[in-house]
N, C-alpha and C. Protein backbone atom coordinates (compact mmCIF):
# COMPACT_ATOMS: atom_id res chain seq x y z
N MET A 1 -27.30 -14.07 -46.88
CA MET A 1 -28.09 -12.72 -46.56
C MET A 1 -26.80 -12.26 -46.07
N GLU A 2 -26.01 -11.17 -46.10
CA GLU A 2 -24.93 -10.68 -45.76
C GLU A 2 -25.48 -9.83 -44.87
N GLU A 3 -24.67 -10.17 -43.53
CA GLU A 3 -24.79 -9.33 -42.26
C GLU A 3 -23.64 -8.45 -41.99
N ASN A 4 -23.68 -7.45 -40.78
CA ASN A 4 -22.78 -6.14 -40.43
C ASN A 4 -21.98 -6.90 -39.51
N ASN A 5 -21.42 -6.43 -38.58
CA ASN A 5 -20.63 -6.87 -37.83
C ASN A 5 -21.62 -6.92 -36.59
N GLN A 6 -22.75 -6.40 -36.51
CA GLN A 6 -24.20 -6.33 -35.50
C GLN A 6 -24.78 -7.21 -35.42
N GLY A 7 -24.53 -8.21 -36.82
CA GLY A 7 -25.66 -9.17 -37.07
C GLY A 7 -26.64 -8.91 -37.63
N GLN A 8 -26.94 -7.60 -38.09
CA GLN A 8 -27.83 -6.83 -38.60
C GLN A 8 -28.06 -7.23 -40.38
N CYS A 9 -29.08 -7.60 -40.55
CA CYS A 9 -28.90 -8.29 -42.27
C CYS A 9 -29.12 -6.93 -43.01
N LEU A 10 -28.38 -6.82 -44.15
CA LEU A 10 -28.10 -5.48 -44.87
C LEU A 10 -29.72 -5.14 -45.51
N SER A 11 -30.57 -6.00 -45.49
CA SER A 11 -31.98 -5.46 -45.97
C SER A 11 -32.50 -4.70 -44.80
N ASP A 12 -32.05 -5.19 -43.60
CA ASP A 12 -32.82 -4.62 -42.44
C ASP A 12 -32.13 -3.43 -42.39
N GLN A 13 -30.69 -3.29 -42.78
CA GLN A 13 -30.13 -2.06 -42.66
C GLN A 13 -30.36 -0.85 -43.73
N MET A 14 -31.40 -1.46 -44.98
CA MET A 14 -31.84 -0.48 -45.93
C MET A 14 -33.51 0.26 -45.57
N ARG A 15 -34.13 -0.77 -45.04
CA ARG A 15 -35.32 -0.36 -44.44
C ARG A 15 -35.13 0.29 -43.69
N GLU A 16 -34.28 0.07 -42.38
CA GLU A 16 -34.24 1.46 -41.51
C GLU A 16 -33.31 2.66 -42.05
N ALA A 17 -32.49 2.79 -42.65
CA ALA A 17 -32.42 3.95 -43.34
C ALA A 17 -33.49 4.54 -43.99
N THR A 18 -34.73 3.98 -44.67
CA THR A 18 -35.45 4.70 -45.47
C THR A 18 -36.62 5.03 -44.47
N ARG A 19 -36.77 4.75 -43.19
CA ARG A 19 -37.42 5.02 -42.51
C ARG A 19 -37.63 6.55 -41.81
N PRO A 20 -38.62 7.25 -41.38
CA PRO A 20 -38.18 8.30 -40.95
C PRO A 20 -37.68 8.59 -39.48
N LYS A 21 -36.61 9.56 -38.94
CA LYS A 21 -36.05 9.11 -37.87
C LYS A 21 -37.02 9.58 -36.75
N THR A 22 -36.63 9.22 -35.50
CA THR A 22 -37.68 9.73 -34.44
C THR A 22 -37.11 11.22 -34.21
N TYR A 23 -37.92 11.72 -33.20
CA TYR A 23 -37.56 13.32 -32.84
C TYR A 23 -35.87 12.68 -31.98
N GLY A 24 -35.93 11.63 -31.14
CA GLY A 24 -34.65 11.69 -30.43
C GLY A 24 -33.57 11.15 -31.08
N GLU A 25 -33.63 10.37 -32.69
CA GLU A 25 -32.96 10.18 -33.30
C GLU A 25 -32.32 11.21 -33.91
N ARG A 26 -32.88 12.26 -34.27
CA ARG A 26 -32.41 13.50 -34.67
C ARG A 26 -31.73 14.49 -33.76
N ALA A 27 -32.47 14.58 -32.58
CA ALA A 27 -31.68 15.24 -31.36
C ALA A 27 -30.52 14.71 -31.00
N VAL A 28 -30.02 13.36 -31.08
CA VAL A 28 -28.93 13.04 -30.87
C VAL A 28 -27.62 12.95 -32.10
N GLY A 29 -28.35 13.21 -33.60
CA GLY A 29 -27.67 13.01 -34.42
C GLY A 29 -26.89 11.81 -34.61
N LEU A 30 -27.96 11.07 -34.75
CA LEU A 30 -27.52 9.21 -34.71
C LEU A 30 -27.17 8.98 -35.93
N SER A 31 -27.36 9.70 -36.96
CA SER A 31 -26.65 9.32 -38.43
C SER A 31 -25.15 9.96 -38.50
N PHE A 32 -24.81 10.90 -37.27
CA PHE A 32 -23.53 11.08 -37.28
C PHE A 32 -22.47 10.55 -36.52
N ASN A 33 -21.69 9.93 -37.29
CA ASN A 33 -20.90 9.19 -36.95
C ASN A 33 -19.70 8.44 -37.59
N PRO A 34 -18.89 9.59 -37.98
CA PRO A 34 -17.75 9.52 -39.11
C PRO A 34 -16.81 8.34 -38.68
N SER A 35 -16.57 7.97 -37.67
CA SER A 35 -15.60 6.91 -37.29
C SER A 35 -16.19 5.57 -37.40
N GLY A 36 -17.77 5.43 -37.45
CA GLY A 36 -18.40 4.75 -37.36
C GLY A 36 -18.33 3.49 -36.53
N ASP A 37 -17.57 3.93 -35.02
CA ASP A 37 -17.91 3.54 -33.93
C ASP A 37 -19.17 2.69 -33.45
N ASP A 38 -19.05 1.39 -32.86
CA ASP A 38 -20.03 0.85 -32.65
C ASP A 38 -20.63 1.61 -31.06
N GLY A 39 -19.73 1.59 -30.21
CA GLY A 39 -19.74 2.32 -28.90
C GLY A 39 -20.63 3.64 -28.98
N VAL A 40 -20.55 4.03 -30.01
CA VAL A 40 -20.95 5.70 -30.09
C VAL A 40 -22.48 5.25 -30.58
N ARG A 41 -22.32 4.68 -31.42
CA ARG A 41 -24.09 4.18 -32.17
C ARG A 41 -24.63 3.73 -30.85
N ARG A 42 -24.12 2.85 -30.29
CA ARG A 42 -25.13 2.20 -29.08
C ARG A 42 -25.34 3.36 -28.19
N ILE A 43 -24.54 4.31 -27.62
CA ILE A 43 -24.84 5.11 -26.58
C ILE A 43 -25.96 6.24 -27.32
N LYS A 44 -25.77 6.46 -28.71
CA LYS A 44 -26.54 7.37 -29.45
C LYS A 44 -27.94 6.74 -29.28
N GLU A 45 -28.12 5.55 -29.25
CA GLU A 45 -29.40 5.11 -29.44
C GLU A 45 -29.94 4.85 -27.97
N LEU A 46 -29.36 4.34 -27.27
CA LEU A 46 -30.01 4.88 -25.63
C LEU A 46 -30.39 6.21 -25.57
N TYR A 47 -29.71 7.09 -25.81
CA TYR A 47 -29.88 8.49 -25.37
C TYR A 47 -31.17 8.68 -26.61
N ALA A 48 -31.25 8.52 -27.67
CA ALA A 48 -32.17 8.89 -28.37
C ALA A 48 -33.78 8.31 -27.82
N GLU A 49 -33.77 6.95 -27.51
CA GLU A 49 -34.80 6.15 -26.58
C GLU A 49 -35.27 7.23 -25.39
N ILE A 50 -34.39 7.78 -24.70
CA ILE A 50 -34.65 8.49 -23.55
C ILE A 50 -35.35 9.57 -24.03
N ILE A 51 -35.07 10.24 -24.87
CA ILE A 51 -35.34 11.58 -25.47
C ILE A 51 -36.45 11.21 -26.14
N ASP A 52 -37.06 10.18 -26.88
CA ASP A 52 -38.43 9.75 -27.37
C ASP A 52 -39.42 9.86 -26.07
N ILE A 53 -38.80 9.40 -25.41
CA ILE A 53 -39.73 8.72 -23.82
C ILE A 53 -40.30 10.33 -23.55
N MET A 54 -39.34 11.07 -23.08
CA MET A 54 -39.58 12.37 -22.70
C MET A 54 -40.53 13.31 -23.84
N ASP A 55 -39.98 13.47 -25.09
CA ASP A 55 -40.87 13.89 -25.90
C ASP A 55 -42.17 13.32 -25.85
N GLY A 56 -42.23 11.86 -25.99
CA GLY A 56 -43.86 11.42 -25.56
C GLY A 56 -44.56 11.72 -24.42
N MET A 57 -43.62 12.33 -23.53
CA MET A 57 -44.47 13.12 -22.43
C MET A 57 -45.06 14.22 -22.54
N ARG A 58 -44.28 14.94 -23.19
CA ARG A 58 -44.70 16.59 -23.80
C ARG A 58 -45.79 16.56 -24.24
N ASN A 59 -45.88 15.40 -25.02
CA ASN A 59 -47.21 15.51 -25.79
C ASN A 59 -48.68 14.31 -25.97
N VAL A 60 -48.41 14.14 -24.51
CA VAL A 60 -49.42 13.14 -23.94
C VAL A 60 -50.33 14.22 -23.42
N GLU A 61 -51.68 14.01 -23.57
CA GLU A 61 -52.94 14.93 -23.16
C GLU A 61 -53.34 14.28 -21.73
N ALA A 62 -53.24 12.91 -21.65
CA ALA A 62 -53.68 12.23 -20.42
C ALA A 62 -53.37 12.01 -19.15
N ASN A 63 -53.71 11.54 -18.07
CA ASN A 63 -52.90 11.30 -16.89
C ASN A 63 -52.59 12.43 -16.08
N ASN A 64 -53.05 13.43 -16.57
CA ASN A 64 -52.84 14.80 -16.03
C ASN A 64 -51.05 14.90 -16.07
N MET A 65 -50.95 14.90 -17.51
CA MET A 65 -49.10 15.20 -17.43
C MET A 65 -49.12 16.07 -18.87
N SER A 66 -50.25 17.02 -18.88
CA SER A 66 -50.02 17.70 -20.05
C SER A 66 -50.09 19.38 -19.23
N THR A 67 -50.00 19.44 -18.34
CA THR A 67 -49.64 20.72 -17.42
C THR A 67 -48.38 21.25 -18.21
N GLY A 68 -48.32 22.69 -17.80
CA GLY A 68 -47.12 23.57 -18.34
C GLY A 68 -45.84 22.96 -17.92
N GLU A 69 -45.92 22.85 -16.38
CA GLU A 69 -44.69 22.06 -15.53
C GLU A 69 -44.14 20.68 -16.10
N HIS A 70 -45.02 19.71 -16.75
CA HIS A 70 -44.76 18.35 -17.17
C HIS A 70 -43.96 19.07 -18.29
N LYS A 71 -44.28 19.57 -19.03
CA LYS A 71 -43.89 19.66 -20.50
C LYS A 71 -42.43 20.46 -20.47
N ARG A 72 -42.28 21.43 -19.68
CA ARG A 72 -41.17 22.04 -19.31
C ARG A 72 -40.14 21.17 -18.52
N LEU A 73 -40.70 20.25 -17.42
CA LEU A 73 -39.80 18.95 -17.03
C LEU A 73 -39.07 18.37 -17.91
N ALA A 74 -40.07 17.64 -18.93
CA ALA A 74 -39.90 16.97 -20.02
C ALA A 74 -38.60 17.63 -20.98
N SER A 75 -38.91 19.00 -21.38
CA SER A 75 -37.84 19.57 -22.20
C SER A 75 -36.56 19.76 -21.31
N VAL A 76 -36.49 20.14 -20.35
CA VAL A 76 -35.32 20.03 -19.51
C VAL A 76 -34.47 18.78 -19.57
N ALA A 77 -35.21 17.52 -19.53
CA ALA A 77 -34.77 16.16 -19.41
C ALA A 77 -33.96 15.57 -20.79
N ILE A 78 -34.47 16.66 -22.10
CA ILE A 78 -34.42 16.48 -22.85
C ILE A 78 -32.84 16.83 -23.09
N THR A 79 -32.79 18.29 -22.87
CA THR A 79 -31.79 19.00 -23.09
C THR A 79 -30.71 18.72 -22.49
N GLU A 80 -31.00 18.07 -21.26
CA GLU A 80 -29.73 17.20 -20.11
C GLU A 80 -29.45 16.05 -20.97
N ALA A 81 -30.25 15.27 -21.41
CA ALA A 81 -29.85 14.09 -21.99
C ALA A 81 -29.25 14.35 -23.23
N GLN A 82 -29.44 15.17 -24.16
CA GLN A 82 -28.32 15.81 -25.07
C GLN A 82 -27.11 16.13 -24.56
N THR A 83 -26.91 16.90 -23.59
CA THR A 83 -25.68 17.15 -23.03
C THR A 83 -25.11 15.71 -22.62
N ALA A 84 -25.80 14.83 -22.08
CA ALA A 84 -25.02 13.85 -21.13
C ALA A 84 -24.48 13.02 -22.46
N GLN A 85 -25.52 12.84 -23.63
CA GLN A 85 -24.99 11.89 -24.67
C GLN A 85 -23.62 12.31 -25.09
N MET A 86 -23.67 13.94 -25.77
CA MET A 86 -22.29 14.58 -26.08
C MET A 86 -21.14 14.10 -25.16
N TRP A 87 -21.11 14.30 -23.91
CA TRP A 87 -20.25 13.75 -22.53
C TRP A 87 -19.55 12.68 -23.04
N ALA A 88 -20.76 11.59 -23.03
CA ALA A 88 -20.71 10.16 -23.05
C ALA A 88 -19.95 9.96 -24.36
N VAL A 89 -20.20 10.66 -25.69
CA VAL A 89 -19.53 10.06 -26.69
C VAL A 89 -17.96 10.47 -26.46
N LYS A 90 -17.89 11.86 -25.74
CA LYS A 90 -16.28 12.43 -25.66
C LYS A 90 -15.63 11.72 -25.07
N ALA A 91 -16.30 10.70 -24.01
CA ALA A 91 -15.64 9.99 -23.22
C ALA A 91 -15.31 8.63 -24.02
N LEU A 92 -15.89 8.26 -24.68
CA LEU A 92 -15.68 6.89 -25.50
C LEU A 92 -14.63 7.04 -26.35
N THR A 93 -14.83 8.46 -27.04
CA THR A 93 -13.73 8.71 -28.12
C THR A 93 -12.37 9.76 -28.07
N TRP A 94 -12.22 9.86 -26.41
CA TRP A 94 -11.05 10.27 -25.81
C TRP A 94 -9.66 9.51 -26.26
N LYS A 95 -8.72 10.60 -26.86
CA LYS A 95 -7.67 9.82 -27.15
C LYS A 95 -6.38 10.71 -26.31
N ASP A 96 -5.53 9.96 -25.92
CA ASP A 96 -4.34 10.95 -24.62
C ASP A 96 -3.31 11.50 -25.81
């Protein structure tokens, strides 16, 4: 079976491409990586995971986490994570 440079089977890649993207993956634009840079992909994956956790917090009704302030704080965290992800990609791809 063929593998990519990260050891992922091509059939796994195809399965990954057909599943719906998470909110975090959409928020960081995981599929947008014109240079195919592995570092950019990894940064986006990590920030997507953080954003998915915060999005989950916004949607949880248990453990007193459903107040307006909890939702607002989770939304702020998502916005700041998106900003940090963009700066991290900029740092990785910066050319002097």
